[in-house]
């Protein structure tokens, strides 16, 4: 959803990922959404956390696609996950790196699905 408020532009996205604990399904999700070089610890996380981080990455990619018409892979987004805190963007592809501070992301999960939410707020040129 895109919304303009004065000179502020807001785009939001919520993405769900089914939690599947089978080793094959987890491997497919890891390979699709995570860079083994940059996110090695993720490969040892529980299925719920992996699905939640994947959902957040997909939500961020969807916001960028909706706001800028650019397609980026979830794998090119690096997140950090702090214990008992929301995930944080560690890096975006270089052309979108200045937006890192403008995103607010969150994840949640039930027993069967994980949900990632991404909100991007961009101020207009006048800085109001």
Protein backbone atom coordinates (compact mmCIF):
# COMPACT_ATOMS: atom_id res chain seq x y z
CA UNK A 1 0.00 0.00 0.00
CA UNK A 2 1.35 3.44 -0.93
CA UNK A 3 0.16 6.54 0.88
CA UNK A 4 1.23 10.13 0.49
CA UNK A 5 0.88 12.43 3.48
CA UNK A 6 1.93 15.96 2.55
CA UNK A 7 5.47 15.53 1.35
CA UNK A 8 5.94 12.24 3.16
CA UNK A 9 5.61 8.96 1.26
CA UNK A 10 4.75 5.78 3.13
CA UNK A 11 4.76 2.25 1.74
CA UNK A 12 3.90 -0.83 3.78
CA UNK A 13 3.94 -4.55 3.15
CA UNK A 14 3.12 -7.64 5.19
CA UNK A 15 4.30 -11.02 3.93
CA UNK A 16 3.60 -14.45 5.39
CA UNK A 17 5.79 -17.53 5.10
CA UNK A 18 4.58 -21.01 6.04
CA UNK A 19 6.70 -22.56 8.79
CA UNK A 20 7.94 -25.94 7.63
CA UNK A 21 10.40 -27.74 9.89
CA UNK A 22 11.46 -30.38 7.38
CA UNK A 23 15.20 -30.18 6.62
CA UNK A 24 14.55 -29.99 2.86
CA UNK A 25 12.05 -27.12 3.20
CA UNK A 26 14.38 -25.20 5.54
CA UNK A 27 17.27 -25.67 3.12
CA UNK A 28 15.17 -24.34 0.23
CA UNK A 29 14.11 -21.30 2.27
CA UNK A 30 17.68 -20.62 3.42
CA UNK A 31 19.02 -20.89 -0.13
CA UNK A 32 16.30 -18.60 -1.50
CA UNK A 33 16.51 -15.89 1.16
CA UNK A 34 19.88 -15.93 2.90
CA UNK A 35 23.48 -15.40 1.88
CA UNK A 36 25.60 -18.12 3.45
CA UNK A 37 28.61 -15.81 3.50
CA UNK A 38 26.96 -12.90 5.32
CA UNK A 39 24.34 -14.69 7.39
CA UNK A 40 25.96 -17.93 8.52
CA UNK A 41 24.35 -17.92 12.03
CA UNK A 42 20.88 -18.01 10.43
CA UNK A 43 21.53 -21.54 9.25
CA UNK A 44 21.36 -22.71 12.88
CA UNK A 45 18.22 -20.78 13.90
CA UNK A 46 14.92 -22.52 14.67
CA UNK A 47 12.41 -22.80 11.82
CA UNK A 48 10.15 -20.04 13.21
CA UNK A 49 12.98 -17.49 13.27
CA UNK A 50 14.20 -18.46 9.79
CA UNK A 51 10.67 -18.10 8.40
CA UNK A 52 10.18 -14.77 10.21
CA UNK A 53 13.42 -13.29 8.89
CA UNK A 54 12.59 -14.57 5.39
CA UNK A 55 9.15 -12.94 5.62
CA UNK A 56 10.75 -9.63 6.68
CA UNK A 57 13.20 -9.76 3.79
CA UNK A 58 10.39 -10.47 1.34
CA UNK A 59 8.34 -7.60 2.80
CA UNK A 60 11.30 -5.19 2.39
CA UNK A 61 11.82 -6.35 -1.21
CA UNK A 62 8.10 -5.87 -1.90
CA UNK A 63 8.14 -2.32 -0.48
CA UNK A 64 11.12 -1.42 -2.68
CA UNK A 65 9.37 -2.93 -5.71
CA UNK A 66 6.16 -0.98 -4.99
CA UNK A 67 7.89 2.32 -4.22
CA UNK A 68 10.63 2.32 -6.87
CA UNK A 69 9.65 -0.36 -9.41
CA UNK A 70 12.94 -2.15 -8.72
CA UNK A 71 13.17 -5.88 -8.18
CA UNK A 72 15.66 -7.02 -5.57
CA UNK A 73 16.16 -10.50 -4.21
CA UNK A 74 15.50 -11.25 -0.56
CA UNK A 75 18.96 -12.81 -0.50
CA UNK A 76 20.53 -9.40 -1.18
CA UNK A 77 19.06 -7.97 2.05
CA UNK A 78 20.99 -8.71 5.24
CA UNK A 79 19.19 -8.62 8.58
CA UNK A 80 20.43 -9.01 12.11
CA UNK A 81 18.19 -10.52 14.73
CA UNK A 82 18.69 -9.44 18.28
CA UNK A 83 17.36 -11.54 21.14
CA UNK A 84 13.99 -10.24 22.34
CA UNK A 85 14.04 -7.38 19.84
CA UNK A 86 12.88 -6.64 16.33
CA UNK A 87 15.18 -7.53 13.46
CA UNK A 88 17.32 -4.76 12.06
CA UNK A 89 18.51 -4.11 8.52
CA UNK A 90 22.27 -4.66 8.40
CA UNK A 91 22.53 -3.88 4.69
CA UNK A 92 20.53 -3.35 1.52
CA UNK A 93 21.84 -3.40 -2.05
CA UNK A 94 24.04 -0.31 -2.49
CA UNK A 95 21.52 1.67 -4.57
CA UNK A 96 19.02 1.41 -1.69
CA UNK A 97 21.48 1.59 1.24
CA UNK A 98 20.49 5.19 2.12
CA UNK A 99 16.97 3.90 2.91
CA UNK A 100 18.10 1.57 5.72
CA UNK A 101 17.31 4.16 8.40
CA UNK A 102 13.89 4.89 6.88
CA UNK A 103 12.58 1.34 7.30
CA UNK A 104 10.74 -0.01 10.30
CA UNK A 105 10.50 -3.81 10.29
CA UNK A 106 8.89 -6.36 12.56
CA UNK A 107 8.22 -10.07 12.61
CA UNK A 108 5.77 -12.32 14.36
CA UNK A 109 4.72 -15.92 14.06
CA UNK A 110 2.08 -18.42 14.95
CA UNK A 111 2.66 -22.17 15.06
CA UNK A 112 2.14 -22.43 11.31
CA UNK A 113 3.12 -19.09 9.73
CA UNK A 114 5.62 -16.28 10.18
CA UNK A 115 4.78 -12.72 9.24
CA UNK A 116 7.17 -9.97 8.24
CA UNK A 117 6.11 -6.35 8.16
CA UNK A 118 8.08 -3.54 6.51
CA UNK A 119 7.20 0.13 6.55
CA UNK A 120 9.19 2.68 4.53
CA UNK A 121 8.71 6.38 5.19
CA UNK A 122 10.45 8.87 2.93
CA UNK A 123 10.40 12.58 3.64
CA UNK A 124 9.84 15.02 0.78
CA UNK A 125 12.43 17.54 -0.35
CA UNK A 126 11.26 20.22 2.06
CA UNK A 127 12.02 17.95 5.07
CA UNK A 128 8.71 18.51 6.84
